[in-house]
Amino acid sequence: ELAIRLNGWLASPQLQAWSEGEAVDPDAWVGDRPRCTIVTLSHLDDALRQLAAGWVLSRLAGWARRPPGSEALRLAVVLDEAWGFCPPAPRDPVAKRPLLQLAKQARAVGVGLVSATQNPVDLDYALLSNAATWFVGRLAPPQDREKVSAGASAPARGWLAALAPRTFL
């Protein structure tokens, strides 16, 4: 059953675009000159989006184990609308493990990770706790404010509660 399902995904018209263009090659993404590579998954359904994101993030996590350490930024990975890729436990989608590996270990070799979400409760605590810098906007639901402000000082908790729309702390 698994083989039939995988074959169905690989033969899917939605994945045909992945057979064209440049290969997913982090070595090619990191070079002597600045370069921008955008991998978009917006055209895929949820299952294929998880499969493709897991594959790309696994390639990046594997690449991050090879180069020597670096304090300079070599590669920035930006994951917009990260809500489905690293949910809280016990959910464990295919993209979660390589994403957490990048968050925990890749900064040592110069890989920066930016994860953006509208609701921090949608992200696993392990991902949130490995973020060196947070940009926090208005958090309307109390559970979002509680999750983000748990380690914050009393004045910071007050600022978070009073943020206006489209304002960041």
N, C-alpha and C. Protein backbone atom coordinates (compact mmCIF):
# COMPACT_ATOMS: atom_id res chain seq x y z
N GLU A 1 0.83 -1.20 0.00
CA GLU A 1 0.00 0.00 0.00
C GLU A 1 0.87 1.26 0.00
N LEU A 2 1.96 1.23 0.80
CA LEU A 2 2.86 2.38 0.85
C LEU A 2 3.51 2.62 -0.52
N ALA A 3 3.96 1.55 -1.17
CA ALA A 3 4.60 1.68 -2.48
C ALA A 3 3.63 2.27 -3.51
N ILE A 4 2.39 1.84 -3.47
CA ILE A 4 1.39 2.36 -4.41
C ILE A 4 1.15 3.85 -4.14
N ARG A 5 1.09 4.21 -2.86
CA ARG A 5 0.86 5.62 -2.51
C ARG A 5 2.05 6.50 -2.93
N LEU A 6 3.27 6.02 -2.65
CA LEU A 6 4.47 6.78 -3.06
C LEU A 6 4.53 6.92 -4.58
N ASN A 7 4.24 5.86 -5.29
CA ASN A 7 4.24 5.91 -6.75
C ASN A 7 3.21 6.91 -7.25
N GLY A 8 2.05 6.94 -6.61
CA GLY A 8 1.02 7.91 -6.97
C GLY A 8 1.50 9.34 -6.78
N TRP A 9 2.23 9.58 -5.69
CA TRP A 9 2.76 10.93 -5.47
C TRP A 9 3.82 11.27 -6.51
N LEU A 10 4.72 10.33 -6.77
CA LEU A 10 5.80 10.60 -7.72
C LEU A 10 5.28 10.81 -9.13
N ALA A 11 4.18 10.17 -9.46
CA ALA A 11 3.58 10.33 -10.79
C ALA A 11 2.59 11.49 -10.83
N SER A 12 2.39 12.16 -9.70
CA SER A 12 1.42 13.24 -9.61
C SER A 12 1.78 14.40 -10.53
N PRO A 13 0.80 14.97 -11.23
CA PRO A 13 1.08 16.15 -12.07
C PRO A 13 1.60 17.33 -11.24
N GLN A 14 1.23 17.38 -9.96
CA GLN A 14 1.71 18.47 -9.11
C GLN A 14 3.22 18.42 -8.91
N LEU A 15 3.79 17.23 -8.94
CA LEU A 15 5.23 17.09 -8.73
C LEU A 15 6.04 17.16 -10.02
N GLN A 16 5.40 17.29 -11.15
CA GLN A 16 6.11 17.33 -12.42
C GLN A 16 7.07 18.52 -12.49
N ALA A 17 6.70 19.63 -11.87
CA ALA A 17 7.59 20.80 -11.87
C ALA A 17 8.91 20.51 -11.16
N TRP A 18 8.91 19.54 -10.24
CA TRP A 18 10.12 19.19 -9.51
C TRP A 18 11.10 18.41 -10.39
N SER A 19 10.67 17.94 -11.54
CA SER A 19 11.57 17.21 -12.43
C SER A 19 12.24 18.14 -13.43
N GLU A 20 11.92 19.42 -13.36
CA GLU A 20 12.50 20.42 -14.25
C GLU A 20 13.30 21.42 -13.45
N GLY A 21 14.12 22.19 -14.13
CA GLY A 21 14.88 23.24 -13.46
C GLY A 21 16.10 22.72 -12.74
N GLU A 22 16.64 23.56 -11.86
CA GLU A 22 17.87 23.21 -11.15
C GLU A 22 17.58 22.19 -10.05
N ALA A 23 18.59 21.39 -9.78
CA ALA A 23 18.47 20.37 -8.73
C ALA A 23 18.51 21.03 -7.35
N VAL A 24 17.98 20.33 -6.37
CA VAL A 24 18.07 20.77 -4.98
C VAL A 24 19.48 20.42 -4.51
N ASP A 25 20.37 21.40 -4.61
CA ASP A 25 21.79 21.17 -4.33
C ASP A 25 22.32 22.30 -3.46
N PRO A 26 22.39 22.11 -2.14
CA PRO A 26 22.88 23.16 -1.26
C PRO A 26 24.29 23.61 -1.59
N ASP A 27 25.14 22.74 -2.13
CA ASP A 27 26.49 23.17 -2.53
C ASP A 27 26.42 24.26 -3.59
N ALA A 28 25.46 24.15 -4.51
CA ALA A 28 25.30 25.16 -5.55
C ALA A 28 24.69 26.45 -4.98
N TRP A 29 23.94 26.33 -3.90
CA TRP A 29 23.29 27.50 -3.30
C TRP A 29 24.29 28.35 -2.51
N VAL A 30 25.37 27.72 -2.05
CA VAL A 30 26.38 28.43 -1.26
C VAL A 30 27.59 28.60 -2.16
N GLY A 31 27.89 29.81 -2.53
CA GLY A 31 29.02 30.04 -3.44
C GLY A 31 29.80 31.27 -3.05
N ASP A 32 30.57 31.77 -4.00
CA ASP A 32 31.41 32.94 -3.76
C ASP A 32 30.64 34.25 -3.84
N ARG A 33 29.49 34.22 -4.49
CA ARG A 33 28.73 35.46 -4.65
C ARG A 33 27.32 35.29 -4.08
N PRO A 34 26.70 36.37 -3.67
CA PRO A 34 25.33 36.27 -3.13
C PRO A 34 24.38 35.68 -4.16
N ARG A 35 23.48 34.86 -3.68
CA ARG A 35 22.54 34.19 -4.56
C ARG A 35 21.25 33.93 -3.80
N CYS A 36 20.18 33.91 -4.50
CA CYS A 36 18.88 33.64 -3.89
C CYS A 36 18.22 32.48 -4.61
N THR A 37 17.87 31.47 -3.87
CA THR A 37 17.14 30.33 -4.42
C THR A 37 15.82 30.25 -3.67
N ILE A 38 14.74 30.25 -4.40
CA ILE A 38 13.42 30.18 -3.78
C ILE A 38 12.79 28.84 -4.15
N VAL A 39 12.36 28.12 -3.13
CA VAL A 39 11.65 26.86 -3.33
C VAL A 39 10.22 27.11 -2.87
N THR A 40 9.30 27.07 -3.80
CA THR A 40 7.90 27.32 -3.44
C THR A 40 7.12 26.01 -3.45
N LEU A 41 6.27 25.88 -2.45
CA LEU A 41 5.46 24.67 -2.30
C LEU A 41 3.97 25.01 -2.33
N SER A 42 3.65 26.24 -2.64
CA SER A 42 2.26 26.71 -2.53
C SER A 42 1.30 26.00 -3.47
N HIS A 43 1.80 25.43 -4.55
CA HIS A 43 0.94 24.77 -5.52
C HIS A 43 0.61 23.33 -5.15
N LEU A 44 1.24 22.81 -4.09
CA LEU A 44 1.06 21.42 -3.70
C LEU A 44 -0.02 21.27 -2.64
N ASP A 45 -0.68 20.11 -2.62
CA ASP A 45 -1.63 19.86 -1.54
C ASP A 45 -0.84 19.55 -0.26
N ASP A 46 -1.52 19.42 0.87
CA ASP A 46 -0.83 19.28 2.15
C ASP A 46 0.12 18.09 2.21
N ALA A 47 -0.31 16.93 1.72
CA ALA A 47 0.55 15.74 1.79
C ALA A 47 1.80 15.91 0.93
N LEU A 48 1.65 16.42 -0.27
CA LEU A 48 2.81 16.63 -1.14
C LEU A 48 3.69 17.76 -0.63
N ARG A 49 3.09 18.77 -0.02
CA ARG A 49 3.87 19.87 0.56
C ARG A 49 4.77 19.32 1.68
N GLN A 50 4.24 18.44 2.51
CA GLN A 50 5.04 17.83 3.57
C GLN A 50 6.17 16.99 2.98
N LEU A 51 5.86 16.22 1.96
CA LEU A 51 6.86 15.37 1.32
C LEU A 51 7.99 16.22 0.72
N ALA A 52 7.63 17.24 -0.03
CA ALA A 52 8.63 18.10 -0.68
C ALA A 52 9.44 18.88 0.35
N ALA A 53 8.79 19.44 1.35
CA ALA A 53 9.51 20.19 2.39
C ALA A 53 10.45 19.28 3.15
N GLY A 54 9.99 18.08 3.47
CA GLY A 54 10.85 17.13 4.17
C GLY A 54 12.07 16.77 3.35
N TRP A 55 11.88 16.61 2.05
CA TRP A 55 12.99 16.26 1.17
C TRP A 55 14.02 17.40 1.10
N VAL A 56 13.54 18.63 0.89
CA VAL A 56 14.44 19.78 0.79
C VAL A 56 15.16 20.01 2.13
N LEU A 57 14.41 19.98 3.23
CA LEU A 57 15.02 20.20 4.54
C LEU A 57 16.00 19.09 4.90
N SER A 58 15.71 17.86 4.50
CA SER A 58 16.65 16.75 4.74
C SER A 58 17.94 16.94 3.96
N ARG A 59 17.82 17.42 2.73
CA ARG A 59 19.03 17.71 1.93
C ARG A 59 19.86 18.80 2.61
N LEU A 60 19.20 19.83 3.11
CA LEU A 60 19.90 20.92 3.80
C LEU A 60 20.54 20.43 5.10
N ALA A 61 19.81 19.63 5.87
CA ALA A 61 20.35 19.11 7.12
C ALA A 61 21.55 18.19 6.86
N GLY A 62 21.48 17.38 5.82
CA GLY A 62 22.61 16.53 5.45
C GLY A 62 23.81 17.35 5.02
N TRP A 63 23.55 18.39 4.24
CA TRP A 63 24.64 19.27 3.80
C TRP A 63 25.29 19.96 5.00
N ALA A 64 24.48 20.35 5.99
CA ALA A 64 24.99 21.10 7.14
C ALA A 64 25.92 20.27 8.02
N ARG A 65 25.97 18.96 7.84
CA ARG A 65 26.89 18.13 8.60
C ARG A 65 28.28 18.07 7.98
N ARG A 66 28.45 18.58 6.76
CA ARG A 66 29.72 18.43 6.04
C ARG A 66 30.70 19.59 6.20
N PRO A 67 30.28 20.86 6.08
CA PRO A 67 31.28 21.92 6.10
C PRO A 67 31.85 22.16 7.49
N PRO A 68 33.03 22.79 7.54
CA PRO A 68 33.59 23.13 8.85
C PRO A 68 32.77 24.24 9.50
N GLY A 69 32.97 24.42 10.78
CA GLY A 69 32.24 25.46 11.51
C GLY A 69 32.50 26.84 10.94
N SER A 70 31.54 27.73 11.14
CA SER A 70 31.66 29.09 10.63
C SER A 70 30.80 30.04 11.45
N GLU A 71 31.35 31.21 11.73
CA GLU A 71 30.55 32.24 12.39
C GLU A 71 29.86 33.13 11.36
N ALA A 72 30.28 33.02 10.10
CA ALA A 72 29.68 33.81 9.02
C ALA A 72 28.44 33.08 8.49
N LEU A 73 27.45 33.85 8.09
CA LEU A 73 26.24 33.27 7.51
C LEU A 73 26.55 32.79 6.10
N ARG A 74 26.37 31.51 5.86
CA ARG A 74 26.57 30.92 4.54
C ARG A 74 25.26 30.74 3.79
N LEU A 75 24.21 30.45 4.55
CA LEU A 75 22.93 30.10 3.95
C LEU A 75 21.82 30.49 4.91
N ALA A 76 20.78 31.10 4.40
CA ALA A 76 19.61 31.43 5.21
C ALA A 76 18.42 30.65 4.67
N VAL A 77 17.75 29.94 5.54
CA VAL A 77 16.56 29.17 5.20
C VAL A 77 15.37 29.91 5.80
N VAL A 78 14.45 30.34 4.95
CA VAL A 78 13.28 31.07 5.41
C VAL A 78 12.06 30.20 5.15
N LEU A 79 11.34 29.88 6.21
CA LEU A 79 10.16 29.05 6.12
C LEU A 79 8.96 29.91 6.52
N ASP A 80 8.23 30.38 5.53
CA ASP A 80 7.06 31.21 5.78
C ASP A 80 5.86 30.30 6.00
N GLU A 81 4.96 30.72 6.86
CA GLU A 81 3.78 29.91 7.21
C GLU A 81 4.21 28.52 7.65
N ALA A 82 5.00 28.48 8.71
CA ALA A 82 5.61 27.24 9.20
C ALA A 82 4.66 26.37 10.01
N TRP A 83 3.43 26.75 10.13
CA TRP A 83 2.50 26.09 11.05
C TRP A 83 2.36 24.59 10.86
N GLY A 84 2.44 24.04 9.70
CA GLY A 84 2.22 22.61 9.51
C GLY A 84 3.49 21.78 9.51
N PHE A 85 4.65 22.43 9.52
CA PHE A 85 5.89 21.70 9.34
C PHE A 85 6.54 21.26 10.65
N CYS A 86 6.25 21.93 11.75
CA CYS A 86 6.87 21.58 13.04
C CYS A 86 5.84 21.76 14.16
N PRO A 87 4.76 20.97 14.14
CA PRO A 87 3.73 21.11 15.16
C PRO A 87 4.19 20.55 16.50
N PRO A 88 3.52 20.93 17.57
CA PRO A 88 3.87 20.38 18.89
C PRO A 88 3.70 18.86 18.92
N ALA A 89 4.43 18.24 19.85
CA ALA A 89 4.31 16.79 20.04
C ALA A 89 2.88 16.46 20.44
N PRO A 90 2.38 15.33 20.07
CA PRO A 90 3.04 14.14 19.53
C PRO A 90 3.04 14.09 18.01
N ARG A 91 2.52 15.11 17.34
CA ARG A 91 2.50 15.06 15.87
C ARG A 91 3.93 15.14 15.34
N ASP A 92 4.19 14.35 14.30
CA ASP A 92 5.55 14.23 13.79
C ASP A 92 5.56 14.13 12.26
N PRO A 93 5.22 15.23 11.55
CA PRO A 93 5.24 15.17 10.09
C PRO A 93 6.67 15.00 9.57
N VAL A 94 6.78 14.64 8.31
CA VAL A 94 8.08 14.30 7.71
C VAL A 94 9.07 15.46 7.74
N ALA A 95 8.62 16.69 7.72
CA ALA A 95 9.52 17.84 7.70
C ALA A 95 10.03 18.21 9.09
N LYS A 96 9.41 17.71 10.14
CA LYS A 96 9.74 18.15 11.50
C LYS A 96 11.16 17.79 11.93
N ARG A 97 11.57 16.56 11.73
CA ARG A 97 12.90 16.12 12.19
C ARG A 97 14.04 16.92 11.53
N PRO A 98 14.07 17.07 10.19
CA PRO A 98 15.17 17.86 9.60
C PRO A 98 15.08 19.34 9.97
N LEU A 99 13.88 19.87 10.15
CA LEU A 99 13.74 21.27 10.56
C LEU A 99 14.31 21.48 11.95
N LEU A 100 14.00 20.58 12.88
CA LEU A 100 14.56 20.69 14.23
C LEU A 100 16.07 20.49 14.21
N GLN A 101 16.56 19.61 13.36
CA GLN A 101 18.00 19.41 13.25
C GLN A 101 18.68 20.69 12.78
N LEU A 102 18.10 21.35 11.80
CA LEU A 102 18.65 22.63 11.34
C LEU A 102 18.61 23.67 12.46
N ALA A 103 17.51 23.74 13.18
CA ALA A 103 17.37 24.73 14.25
C ALA A 103 18.38 24.49 15.36
N LYS A 104 18.66 23.24 15.67
CA LYS A 104 19.53 22.92 16.79
C LYS A 104 21.02 22.94 16.44
N GLN A 105 21.38 22.55 15.22
CA GLN A 105 22.79 22.32 14.92
C GLN A 105 23.36 23.16 13.79
N ALA A 106 22.55 23.62 12.87
CA ALA A 106 23.09 24.21 11.64
C ALA A 106 23.73 25.57 11.83
N ARG A 107 23.37 26.29 12.90
CA ARG A 107 23.99 27.62 13.08
C ARG A 107 25.50 27.51 13.26
N ALA A 108 25.98 26.36 13.74
CA ALA A 108 27.41 26.17 13.94
C ALA A 108 28.19 26.18 12.63
N VAL A 109 27.52 25.89 11.52
CA VAL A 109 28.20 25.89 10.22
C VAL A 109 27.74 27.06 9.35
N GLY A 110 27.06 28.03 9.94
CA GLY A 110 26.68 29.22 9.21
C GLY A 110 25.33 29.17 8.52
N VAL A 111 24.42 28.34 9.00
CA VAL A 111 23.08 28.28 8.43
C VAL A 111 22.12 28.99 9.37
N GLY A 112 21.43 30.00 8.86
CA GLY A 112 20.42 30.71 9.63
C GLY A 112 19.05 30.19 9.27
N LEU A 113 18.17 30.13 10.23
CA LEU A 113 16.82 29.62 10.01
C LEU A 113 15.82 30.67 10.49
N VAL A 114 14.90 31.04 9.61
CA VAL A 114 13.82 31.95 9.95
C VAL A 114 12.52 31.19 9.76
N SER A 115 11.75 31.08 10.83
CA SER A 115 10.44 30.42 10.77
C SER A 115 9.39 31.47 11.11
N ALA A 116 8.44 31.64 10.22
CA ALA A 116 7.39 32.64 10.43
C ALA A 116 6.04 31.94 10.56
N THR A 117 5.28 32.39 11.55
CA THR A 117 3.94 31.85 11.74
C THR A 117 3.07 32.93 12.37
N GLN A 118 1.78 32.81 12.18
CA GLN A 118 0.85 33.75 12.79
C GLN A 118 0.47 33.31 14.19
N ASN A 119 0.65 32.02 14.50
CA ASN A 119 0.26 31.48 15.79
C ASN A 119 1.39 30.65 16.37
N PRO A 120 2.11 31.15 17.37
CA PRO A 120 3.23 30.40 17.93
C PRO A 120 2.82 29.08 18.58
N VAL A 121 1.56 28.92 18.98
CA VAL A 121 1.14 27.64 19.56
C VAL A 121 1.15 26.53 18.52
N ASP A 122 1.26 26.88 17.23
CA ASP A 122 1.30 25.88 16.16
C ASP A 122 2.70 25.28 15.98
N LEU A 123 3.70 25.80 16.70
CA LEU A 123 5.08 25.32 16.55
C LEU A 123 5.54 24.57 17.78
N ASP A 124 6.35 23.56 17.56
CA ASP A 124 6.91 22.77 18.65
C ASP A 124 7.81 23.65 19.51
N TYR A 125 7.78 23.41 20.81
CA TYR A 125 8.59 24.19 21.74
C TYR A 125 10.08 24.08 21.42
N ALA A 126 10.52 22.91 20.92
CA ALA A 126 11.93 22.73 20.59
C ALA A 126 12.38 23.70 19.50
N LEU A 127 11.51 24.00 18.56
CA LEU A 127 11.85 24.96 17.51
C LEU A 127 11.89 26.38 18.09
N LEU A 128 10.88 26.72 18.88
CA LEU A 128 10.82 28.05 19.48
C LEU A 128 11.99 28.30 20.42
N SER A 129 12.36 27.29 21.21
CA SER A 129 13.43 27.49 22.21
C SER A 129 14.81 27.60 21.57
N ASN A 130 14.97 27.17 20.33
CA ASN A 130 16.26 27.28 19.65
C ASN A 130 16.40 28.57 18.86
N ALA A 131 15.40 29.43 18.90
CA ALA A 131 15.47 30.70 18.19
C ALA A 131 16.27 31.71 19.01
N ALA A 132 17.32 32.24 18.44
CA ALA A 132 18.14 33.23 19.13
C ALA A 132 17.47 34.59 19.17
N THR A 133 16.68 34.90 18.16
CA THR A 133 16.00 36.19 18.06
C THR A 133 14.55 35.96 17.66
N TRP A 134 13.65 36.65 18.34
CA TRP A 134 12.22 36.57 18.03
C TRP A 134 11.73 37.95 17.64
N PHE A 135 10.93 38.02 16.60
CA PHE A 135 10.17 39.22 16.26
C PHE A 135 8.72 38.86 16.53
N VAL A 136 8.11 39.53 17.46
CA VAL A 136 6.76 39.18 17.88
C VAL A 136 5.83 40.33 17.58
N GLY A 137 4.76 40.00 16.87
CA GLY A 137 3.72 40.99 16.58
C GLY A 137 2.57 40.84 17.55
N ARG A 138 1.49 41.46 17.24
CA ARG A 138 0.30 41.43 18.09
C ARG A 138 -0.20 39.99 18.23
N LEU A 139 -0.39 39.58 19.46
CA LEU A 139 -0.87 38.24 19.76
C LEU A 139 -2.24 38.36 20.42
N ALA A 140 -3.29 38.15 19.65
CA ALA A 140 -4.65 38.32 20.17
C ALA A 140 -5.05 37.20 21.13
N PRO A 141 -4.89 35.92 20.76
CA PRO A 141 -5.31 34.85 21.67
C PRO A 141 -4.43 34.82 22.93
N PRO A 142 -5.04 34.71 24.10
CA PRO A 142 -4.25 34.66 25.35
C PRO A 142 -3.25 33.51 25.38
N GLN A 143 -3.60 32.34 24.81
CA GLN A 143 -2.66 31.21 24.84
C GLN A 143 -1.41 31.51 24.02
N ASP A 144 -1.52 32.31 22.95
CA ASP A 144 -0.33 32.71 22.18
C ASP A 144 0.55 33.62 23.03
N ARG A 145 -0.07 34.59 23.70
CA ARG A 145 0.70 35.51 24.57
C ARG A 145 1.39 34.74 25.68
N GLU A 146 0.70 33.76 26.28
CA GLU A 146 1.29 32.98 27.37
C GLU A 146 2.49 32.18 26.88
N LYS A 147 2.37 31.56 25.72
CA LYS A 147 3.47 30.73 25.20
C LYS A 147 4.69 31.58 24.88
N VAL A 148 4.48 32.73 24.28
CA VAL A 148 5.60 33.58 23.89
C VAL A 148 6.22 34.30 25.09
N SER A 149 5.40 34.71 26.04
CA SER A 149 5.92 35.53 27.13
C SER A 149 6.35 34.73 28.35
N ALA A 150 6.32 33.40 28.29
CA ALA A 150 6.66 32.58 29.45
C ALA A 150 8.02 32.93 30.04
N GLY A 151 9.00 33.16 29.20
CA GLY A 151 10.34 33.48 29.70
C GLY A 151 10.66 34.96 29.68
N ALA A 152 9.68 35.79 29.39
CA ALA A 152 9.92 37.23 29.27
C ALA A 152 9.79 37.92 30.63
N SER A 153 10.39 39.08 30.72
CA SER A 153 10.28 39.89 31.93
C SER A 153 8.87 40.47 32.04
N ALA A 154 8.53 40.98 33.22
CA ALA A 154 7.20 41.56 33.42
C ALA A 154 6.95 42.74 32.48
N PRO A 155 7.92 43.66 32.29
CA PRO A 155 7.66 44.74 31.33
C PRO A 155 7.43 44.23 29.90
N ALA A 156 8.20 43.20 29.49
CA ALA A 156 8.03 42.66 28.14
C ALA A 156 6.65 42.04 27.99
N ARG A 157 6.14 41.37 29.02
CA ARG A 157 4.80 40.79 28.95
C ARG A 157 3.76 41.90 28.78
N GLY A 158 3.96 43.01 29.45
CA GLY A 158 3.06 44.15 29.29
C GLY A 158 3.11 44.72 27.89
N TRP A 159 4.30 44.83 27.32
CA TRP A 159 4.44 45.35 25.96
C TRP A 159 3.75 44.42 24.97
N LEU A 160 3.93 43.11 25.15
CA LEU A 160 3.29 42.15 24.24
C LEU A 160 1.78 42.27 24.27
N ALA A 161 1.22 42.46 25.44
CA ALA A 161 -0.23 42.55 25.58
C ALA A 161 -0.77 43.82 24.94
N ALA A 162 0.07 44.86 24.86
CA ALA A 162 -0.40 46.16 24.37
C ALA A 162 0.00 46.46 22.92
N LEU A 163 0.62 45.50 22.22
CA LEU A 163 1.05 45.78 20.85
C LEU A 163 -0.13 46.06 19.92
N ALA A 164 0.04 47.09 19.12
CA ALA A 164 -0.99 47.43 18.12
C ALA A 164 -0.79 46.54 16.89
N PRO A 165 -1.82 46.40 16.05
CA PRO A 165 -1.67 45.63 14.81
C PRO A 165 -0.50 46.16 13.96
N ARG A 166 0.20 45.25 13.30
CA ARG A 166 1.33 45.55 12.41
C ARG A 166 2.48 46.24 13.13
N THR A 167 2.62 45.94 14.43
CA THR A 167 3.72 46.45 15.23
C THR A 167 4.47 45.24 15.79
N PHE A 168 5.79 45.33 15.80
CA PHE A 168 6.59 44.20 16.26
C PHE A 168 7.51 44.60 17.39
N LEU A 169 7.77 43.66 18.27
CA LEU A 169 8.68 43.86 19.40
C LEU A 169 9.90 42.99 19.17
